[in-house]
Amino acid sequence: ALFAARECARVIGEEGLEAGIARHKLHGD
């Protein structure tokens, strides 16, 4: 579970938090 949590956060950092939020807004809209 720790490995999973680490990879989740690593992937978010790789995309960029703001870019990820913008992606969620784009597809939600």
PDB file of all heavy atoms in Angstrom:
ATOM      1  N   ALA A   1       0.831  -1.201   0.000  1.00  0.00           N
ATOM      2  CA  ALA A   1       0.000   0.000   0.000  1.00  0.00           C
ATOM      3  C   ALA A   1       0.867   1.252   0.000  1.00  0.00           C
ATOM      4  O   ALA A   1       0.551   2.251  -0.660  1.00  0.00           O
ATOM      5  CB  ALA A   1      -0.932  -0.005   1.203  1.00  0.00           C
ATOM      6  N   LEU A   2       1.970   1.217   0.740  1.00  0.00           N
ATOM      7  CA  LEU A   2       2.892   2.349   0.745  1.00  0.00           C
ATOM      8  C   LEU A   2       3.499   2.556  -0.639  1.00  0.00           C
ATOM      9  O   LEU A   2       3.627   3.686  -1.115  1.00  0.00           O
ATOM     10  CB  LEU A   2       3.995   2.135   1.789  1.00  0.00           C
ATOM     11  CG  LEU A   2       5.005   3.284   1.878  1.00  0.00           C
ATOM     12  CD1 LEU A   2       5.252   3.675   3.325  1.00  0.00           C
ATOM     13  CD2 LEU A   2       6.327   2.939   1.211  1.00  0.00           C
ATOM     14  N   PHE A   3       3.865   1.457  -1.309  1.00  0.00           N
ATOM     15  CA  PHE A   3       4.392   1.569  -2.669  1.00  0.00           C
ATOM     16  C   PHE A   3       3.352   2.218  -3.585  1.00  0.00           C
ATOM     17  O   PHE A   3       3.686   3.045  -4.441  1.00  0.00           O
ATOM     18  CB  PHE A   3       4.782   0.197  -3.214  1.00  0.00           C
ATOM     19  CG  PHE A   3       5.977  -0.432  -2.544  1.00  0.00           C
ATOM     20  CD1 PHE A   3       6.212  -1.791  -2.671  1.00  0.00           C
ATOM     21  CD2 PHE A   3       6.867   0.313  -1.799  1.00  0.00           C
ATOM     22  CE1 PHE A   3       7.307  -2.393  -2.072  1.00  0.00           C
ATOM     23  CE2 PHE A   3       7.969  -0.271  -1.179  1.00  0.00           C
ATOM     24  CZ  PHE A   3       8.190  -1.628  -1.321  1.00  0.00           C
ATOM     25  N   ALA A   4       2.085   1.822  -3.420  1.00  0.00           N
ATOM     26  CA  ALA A   4       1.012   2.402  -4.233  1.00  0.00           C
ATOM     27  C   ALA A   4       0.877   3.898  -3.964  1.00  0.00           C
ATOM     28  O   ALA A   4       0.777   4.710  -4.894  1.00  0.00           O
ATOM     29  CB  ALA A   4      -0.302   1.694  -3.949  1.00  0.00           C
ATOM     30  N   ALA A   5       0.855   4.267  -2.683  1.00  0.00           N
ATOM     31  CA  ALA A   5       0.697   5.677  -2.320  1.00  0.00           C
ATOM     32  C   ALA A   5       1.867   6.513  -2.838  1.00  0.00           C
ATOM     33  O   ALA A   5       1.676   7.638  -3.325  1.00  0.00           O
ATOM     34  CB  ALA A   5       0.586   5.806  -0.804  1.00  0.00           C
ATOM     35  N   ARG A   6       3.062   5.959  -2.733  1.00  0.00           N
ATOM     36  CA  ARG A   6       4.240   6.677  -3.236  1.00  0.00           C
ATOM     37  C   ARG A   6       4.123   6.918  -4.733  1.00  0.00           C
ATOM     38  O   ARG A   6       4.397   8.017  -5.229  1.00  0.00           O
ATOM     39  CB  ARG A   6       5.508   5.880  -2.922  1.00  0.00           C
ATOM     40  CG  ARG A   6       6.798   6.547  -3.412  1.00  0.00           C
ATOM     41  CD  ARG A   6       7.990   5.621  -3.206  1.00  0.00           C
ATOM     42  NE  ARG A   6       9.227   6.219  -3.681  1.00  0.00           N
ATOM     43  CZ  ARG A   6       9.623   6.228  -4.965  1.00  0.00           C
ATOM     44  NH1 ARG A   6       8.849   5.686  -5.897  1.00  0.00           N
ATOM     45  NH2 ARG A   6      10.776   6.787  -5.290  1.00  0.00           N
ATOM     46  N   GLU A   7       3.706   5.882  -5.483  1.00  0.00           N
ATOM     47  CA  GLU A   7       3.615   6.030  -6.929  1.00  0.00           C
ATOM     48  C   GLU A   7       2.500   6.991  -7.327  1.00  0.00           C
ATOM     49  O   GLU A   7       2.657   7.764  -8.278  1.00  0.00           O
ATOM     50  CB  GLU A   7       3.410   4.663  -7.595  1.00  0.00           C
ATOM     51  CG  GLU A   7       3.483   4.687  -9.111  1.00  0.00           C
ATOM     52  CD  GLU A   7       4.859   5.051  -9.674  1.00  0.00           C
ATOM     53  OE1 GLU A   7       5.822   5.207  -8.877  1.00  0.00           O
ATOM     54  OE2 GLU A   7       4.964   5.184 -10.913  1.00  0.00           O
ATOM     55  N   CYS A   8       1.384   6.974  -6.592  1.00  0.00           N
ATOM     56  CA  CYS A   8       0.317   7.944  -6.862  1.00  0.00           C
ATOM     57  C   CYS A   8       0.849   9.372  -6.770  1.00  0.00           C
ATOM     58  O   CYS A   8       0.615  10.208  -7.657  1.00  0.00           O
ATOM     59  CB  CYS A   8      -0.831   7.770  -5.865  1.00  0.00           C
ATOM     60  SG  CYS A   8      -1.870   6.324  -6.123  1.00  0.00           S
ATOM     61  N   ALA A   9       1.552   9.660  -5.686  1.00  0.00           N
ATOM     62  CA  ALA A   9       2.072  11.010  -5.476  1.00  0.00           C
ATOM     63  C   ALA A   9       3.178  11.331  -6.476  1.00  0.00           C
ATOM     64  O   ALA A   9       3.291  12.476  -6.942  1.00  0.00           O
ATOM     65  CB  ALA A   9       2.581  11.160  -4.049  1.00  0.00           C
ATOM     66  N   ARG A  10       4.000  10.330  -6.817  1.00  0.00           N
ATOM     67  CA  ARG A  10       5.080  10.562  -7.789  1.00  0.00           C
ATOM     68  C   ARG A  10       4.499  10.920  -9.155  1.00  0.00           C
ATOM     69  O   ARG A  10       4.971  11.845  -9.825  1.00  0.00           O
ATOM     70  CB  ARG A  10       5.964   9.319  -7.909  1.00  0.00           C
ATOM     71  CG  ARG A  10       7.258   9.542  -8.708  1.00  0.00           C
ATOM     72  CD  ARG A  10       7.857   8.244  -9.205  1.00  0.00           C
ATOM     73  NE  ARG A  10       7.019   7.596 -10.208  1.00  0.00           N
ATOM     74  CZ  ARG A  10       6.963   7.966 -11.497  1.00  0.00           C
ATOM     75  NH1 ARG A  10       7.680   8.990 -11.928  1.00  0.00           N
ATOM     76  NH2 ARG A  10       6.171   7.322 -12.335  1.00  0.00           N
ATOM     77  N   VAL A  11       3.456  10.197  -9.566  1.00  0.00           N
ATOM     78  CA  VAL A  11       2.812  10.456 -10.856  1.00  0.00           C
ATOM     79  C   VAL A  11       2.185  11.852 -10.872  1.00  0.00           C
ATOM     80  O   VAL A  11       2.269  12.578 -11.879  1.00  0.00           O
ATOM     81  CB  VAL A  11       1.764   9.360 -11.160  1.00  0.00           C
ATOM     82  CG1 VAL A  11       0.875   9.756 -12.332  1.00  0.00           C
ATOM     83  CG2 VAL A  11       2.453   8.026 -11.440  1.00  0.00           C
ATOM     84  N   ILE A  12       1.556  12.247  -9.760  1.00  0.00           N
ATOM     85  CA  ILE A  12       0.983  13.592  -9.671  1.00  0.00           C
ATOM     86  C   ILE A  12       2.076  14.641  -9.808  1.00  0.00           C
ATOM     87  O   ILE A  12       1.926  15.643 -10.522  1.00  0.00           O
ATOM     88  CB  ILE A  12       0.212  13.761  -8.346  1.00  0.00           C
ATOM     89  CG1 ILE A  12      -1.086  12.954  -8.394  1.00  0.00           C
ATOM     90  CG2 ILE A  12      -0.098  15.238  -8.067  1.00  0.00           C
ATOM     91  CD1 ILE A  12      -1.811  12.871  -7.075  1.00  0.00           C
ATOM     92  N   GLY A  13       3.199  14.413  -9.127  1.00  0.00           N
ATOM     93  CA  GLY A  13       4.311  15.350  -9.238  1.00  0.00           C
ATOM     94  C   GLY A  13       4.883  15.412 -10.645  1.00  0.00           C
ATOM     95  O   GLY A  13       5.281  16.480 -11.121  1.00  0.00           O
ATOM     96  N   GLU A  14       4.919  14.274 -11.320  1.00  0.00           N
ATOM     97  CA  GLU A  14       5.442  14.218 -12.683  1.00  0.00           C
ATOM     98  C   GLU A  14       4.557  15.012 -13.643  1.00  0.00           C
ATOM     99  O   GLU A  14       5.051  15.750 -14.508  1.00  0.00           O
ATOM    100  CB  GLU A  14       5.510  12.754 -13.136  1.00  0.00           C
ATOM    101  CG  GLU A  14       6.142  12.513 -14.487  1.00  0.00           C
ATOM    102  CD  GLU A  14       6.276  11.027 -14.770  1.00  0.00           C
ATOM    103  OE1 GLU A  14       5.273  10.402 -15.186  1.00  0.00           O
ATOM    104  OE2 GLU A  14       7.376  10.478 -14.563  1.00  0.00           O
ATOM    105  N   GLU A  15       3.232  14.867 -13.490  1.00  0.00           N
ATOM    106  CA  GLU A  15       2.299  15.638 -14.326  1.00  0.00           C
ATOM    107  C   GLU A  15       2.288  17.100 -13.917  1.00  0.00           C
ATOM    108  O   GLU A  15       2.144  17.995 -14.758  1.00  0.00           O
ATOM    109  CB  GLU A  15       0.893  15.054 -14.218  1.00  0.00           C
ATOM    110  CG  GLU A  15      -0.138  15.788 -15.058  1.00  0.00           C
ATOM    111  CD  GLU A  15      -1.550  15.228 -14.917  1.00  0.00           C
ATOM    112  OE1 GLU A  15      -1.806  14.492 -13.936  1.00  0.00           O
ATOM    113  OE2 GLU A  15      -2.389  15.528 -15.792  1.00  0.00           O
ATOM    114  N   GLY A  16       2.427  17.350 -12.637  1.00  0.00           N
ATOM    115  CA  GLY A  16       2.255  18.685 -12.073  1.00  0.00           C
ATOM    116  C   GLY A  16       0.873  18.797 -11.463  1.00  0.00           C
ATOM    117  O   GLY A  16      -0.126  18.482 -12.124  1.00  0.00           O
ATOM    118  N   LEU A  17       0.800  19.196 -10.189  1.00  0.00           N
ATOM    119  CA  LEU A  17      -0.488  19.244  -9.485  1.00  0.00           C
ATOM    120  C   LEU A  17      -1.482  20.142 -10.213  1.00  0.00           C
ATOM    121  O   LEU A  17      -2.647  19.761 -10.411  1.00  0.00           O
ATOM    122  CB  LEU A  17      -0.278  19.720  -8.047  1.00  0.00           C
ATOM    123  CG  LEU A  17      -1.529  19.768  -7.162  1.00  0.00           C
ATOM    124  CD1 LEU A  17      -2.163  18.382  -7.024  1.00  0.00           C
ATOM    125  CD2 LEU A  17      -1.181  20.333  -5.782  1.00  0.00           C
ATOM    126  N   GLU A  18      -1.051  21.339 -10.625  1.00  0.00           N
ATOM    127  CA  GLU A  18      -1.963  22.258 -11.300  1.00  0.00           C
ATOM    128  C   GLU A  18      -2.435  21.682 -12.629  1.00  0.00           C
ATOM    129  O   GLU A  18      -3.615  21.816 -12.998  1.00  0.00           O
ATOM    130  CB  GLU A  18      -1.287  23.623 -11.519  1.00  0.00           C
ATOM    131  CG  GLU A  18      -1.071  24.433 -10.256  1.00  0.00           C
ATOM    132  CD  GLU A  18       0.133  23.970  -9.435  1.00  0.00           C
ATOM    133  OE1 GLU A  18       0.892  23.107  -9.939  1.00  0.00           O
ATOM    134  OE2 GLU A  18       0.292  24.446  -8.302  1.00  0.00           O
ATOM    135  N   ALA A  19      -1.517  21.013 -13.355  1.00  0.00           N
ATOM    136  CA  ALA A  19      -1.901  20.404 -14.633  1.00  0.00           C
ATOM    137  C   ALA A  19      -2.914  19.288 -14.404  1.00  0.00           C
ATOM    138  O   ALA A  19      -3.848  19.110 -15.201  1.00  0.00           O
ATOM    139  CB  ALA A  19      -0.658  19.872 -15.353  1.00  0.00           C
ATOM    140  N   GLY A  20      -2.736  18.519 -13.336  1.00  0.00           N
ATOM    141  CA  GLY A  20      -3.682  17.457 -13.032  1.00  0.00           C
ATOM    142  C   GLY A  20      -5.059  17.986 -12.686  1.00  0.00           C
ATOM    143  O   GLY A  20      -6.084  17.425 -13.099  1.00  0.00           O
ATOM    144  N   ILE A  21      -5.100  19.081 -11.928  1.00  0.00           N
ATOM    145  CA  ILE A  21      -6.384  19.707 -11.602  1.00  0.00           C
ATOM    146  C   ILE A  21      -7.057  20.222 -12.876  1.00  0.00           C
ATOM    147  O   ILE A  21      -8.267  20.043 -13.076  1.00  0.00           O
ATOM    148  CB  ILE A  21      -6.185  20.834 -10.570  1.00  0.00           C
ATOM    149  CG1 ILE A  21      -5.741  20.249  -9.223  1.00  0.00           C
ATOM    150  CG2 ILE A  21      -7.463  21.657 -10.402  1.00  0.00           C
ATOM    151  CD1 ILE A  21      -5.269  21.280  -8.218  1.00  0.00           C
ATOM    152  N   ALA A  22      -6.261  20.838 -13.755  1.00  0.00           N
ATOM    153  CA  ALA A  22      -6.805  21.329 -15.023  1.00  0.00           C
ATOM    154  C   ALA A  22      -7.326  20.182 -15.886  1.00  0.00           C
ATOM    155  O   ALA A  22      -8.354  20.322 -16.570  1.00  0.00           O
ATOM    156  CB  ALA A  22      -5.736  22.115 -15.776  1.00  0.00           C
ATOM    157  N   ARG A  23      -6.649  19.034 -15.855  1.00  0.00           N
ATOM    158  CA  ARG A  23      -7.110  17.856 -16.607  1.00  0.00           C
ATOM    159  C   ARG A  23      -8.460  17.387 -16.076  1.00  0.00           C
ATOM    160  O   ARG A  23      -9.374  17.065 -16.847  1.00  0.00           O
ATOM    161  CB  ARG A  23      -6.070  16.736 -16.503  1.00  0.00           C
ATOM    162  CG  ARG A  23      -6.523  15.405 -17.093  1.00  0.00           C
ATOM    163  CD  ARG A  23      -5.376  14.398 -17.177  1.00  0.00           C
ATOM    164  NE  ARG A  23      -4.763  14.142 -15.889  1.00  0.00           N
ATOM    165  CZ  ARG A  23      -5.203  13.249 -15.000  1.00  0.00           C
ATOM    166  NH1 ARG A  23      -6.289  12.523 -15.260  1.00  0.00           N
ATOM    167  NH2 ARG A  23      -4.570  13.063 -13.853  1.00  0.00           N
ATOM    168  N   HIS A  24      -8.599  17.328 -14.751  1.00  0.00           N
ATOM    169  CA  HIS A  24      -9.882  16.926 -14.175  1.00  0.00           C
ATOM    170  C   HIS A  24     -10.992  17.900 -14.581  1.00  0.00           C
ATOM    171  O   HIS A  24     -12.116  17.475 -14.893  1.00  0.00           O
ATOM    172  CB  HIS A  24      -9.784  16.838 -12.654  1.00  0.00           C
ATOM    173  CG  HIS A  24      -9.152  15.580 -12.150  1.00  0.00           C
ATOM    174  ND1 HIS A  24      -7.795  15.407 -12.088  1.00  0.00           N
ATOM    175  CD2 HIS A  24      -9.697  14.422 -11.713  1.00  0.00           C
ATOM    176  CE1 HIS A  24      -7.525  14.198 -11.611  1.00  0.00           C
ATOM    177  NE2 HIS A  24      -8.669  13.585 -11.383  1.00  0.00           N
ATOM    178  N   LYS A  25     -10.695  19.184 -14.583  1.00  0.00           N
ATOM    179  CA  LYS A  25     -11.709  20.178 -14.975  1.00  0.00           C
ATOM    180  C   LYS A  25     -12.069  20.028 -16.448  1.00  0.00           C
ATOM    181  O   LYS A  25     -13.255  20.084 -16.820  1.00  0.00           O
ATOM    182  CB  LYS A  25     -11.219  21.593 -14.680  1.00  0.00           C
ATOM    183  CG  LYS A  25     -12.239  22.656 -15.096  1.00  0.00           C
ATOM    184  CD  LYS A  25     -11.893  24.035 -14.569  1.00  0.00           C
ATOM    185  CE  LYS A  25     -12.836  25.094 -15.128  1.00  0.00           C
ATOM    186  NZ  LYS A  25     -14.275  24.752 -14.964  1.00  0.00           N
ATOM    187  N   LEU A  26     -11.078  19.838 -17.311  1.00  0.00           N
ATOM    188  CA  LEU A  26     -11.330  19.690 -18.740  1.00  0.00           C
ATOM    189  C   LEU A  26     -12.295  18.548 -19.012  1.00  0.00           C
ATOM    190  O   LEU A  26     -13.297  18.715 -19.720  1.00  0.00           O
ATOM    191  CB  LEU A  26     -10.004  19.448 -19.477  1.00  0.00           C
ATOM    192  CG  LEU A  26     -10.118  19.064 -20.956  1.00  0.00           C
ATOM    193  CD1 LEU A  26     -10.648  20.233 -21.780  1.00  0.00           C
ATOM    194  CD2 LEU A  26      -8.767  18.585 -21.498  1.00  0.00           C
ATOM    195  N   HIS A  27     -12.003  17.381 -18.449  1.00  0.00           N
ATOM    196  CA  HIS A  27     -12.819  16.212 -18.752  1.00  0.00           C
ATOM    197  C   HIS A  27     -14.148  16.229 -17.990  1.00  0.00           C
ATOM    198  O   HIS A  27     -15.161  15.746 -18.505  1.00  0.00           O
ATOM    199  CB  HIS A  27     -12.016  14.945 -18.473  1.00  0.00           C
ATOM    200  CG  HIS A  27     -10.785  14.846 -19.318  1.00  0.00           C
ATOM    201  ND1 HIS A  27     -10.836  14.804 -20.695  1.00  0.00           N
ATOM    202  CD2 HIS A  27      -9.466  14.822 -18.994  1.00  0.00           C
ATOM    203  CE1 HIS A  27      -9.599  14.742 -21.176  1.00  0.00           C
ATOM    204  NE2 HIS A  27      -8.761  14.762 -20.168  1.00  0.00           N
ATOM    205  N   GLY A  28     -14.147  16.815 -16.798  1.00  0.00           N
ATOM    206  CA  GLY A  28     -15.406  16.974 -16.079  1.00  0.00           C
ATOM    207  C   GLY A  28     -16.357  17.901 -16.814  1.00  0.00           C
ATOM    208  O   GLY A  28     -17.565  17.632 -16.912  1.00  0.00           O
ATOM    209  N   ASP A  29     -15.824  18.990 -17.358  1.00  0.00           N
ATOM    210  CA  ASP A  29     -16.659  19.926 -18.112  1.00  0.00           C
ATOM    211  C   ASP A  29     -17.137  19.309 -19.424  1.00  0.00           C
ATOM    212  O   ASP A  29     -18.257  19.571 -19.878  1.00  0.00           O
ATOM    213  CB  ASP A  29     -15.884  21.219 -18.393  1.00  0.00           C
ATOM    214  CG  ASP A  29     -15.743  22.097 -17.162  1.00  0.00           C
ATOM    215  OD1 ASP A  29     -16.403  21.813 -16.139  1.00  0.00           O
ATOM    216  OD2 ASP A  29     -14.960  23.070 -17.210  1.00  0.00           O
TER     217      ASP A  29
END
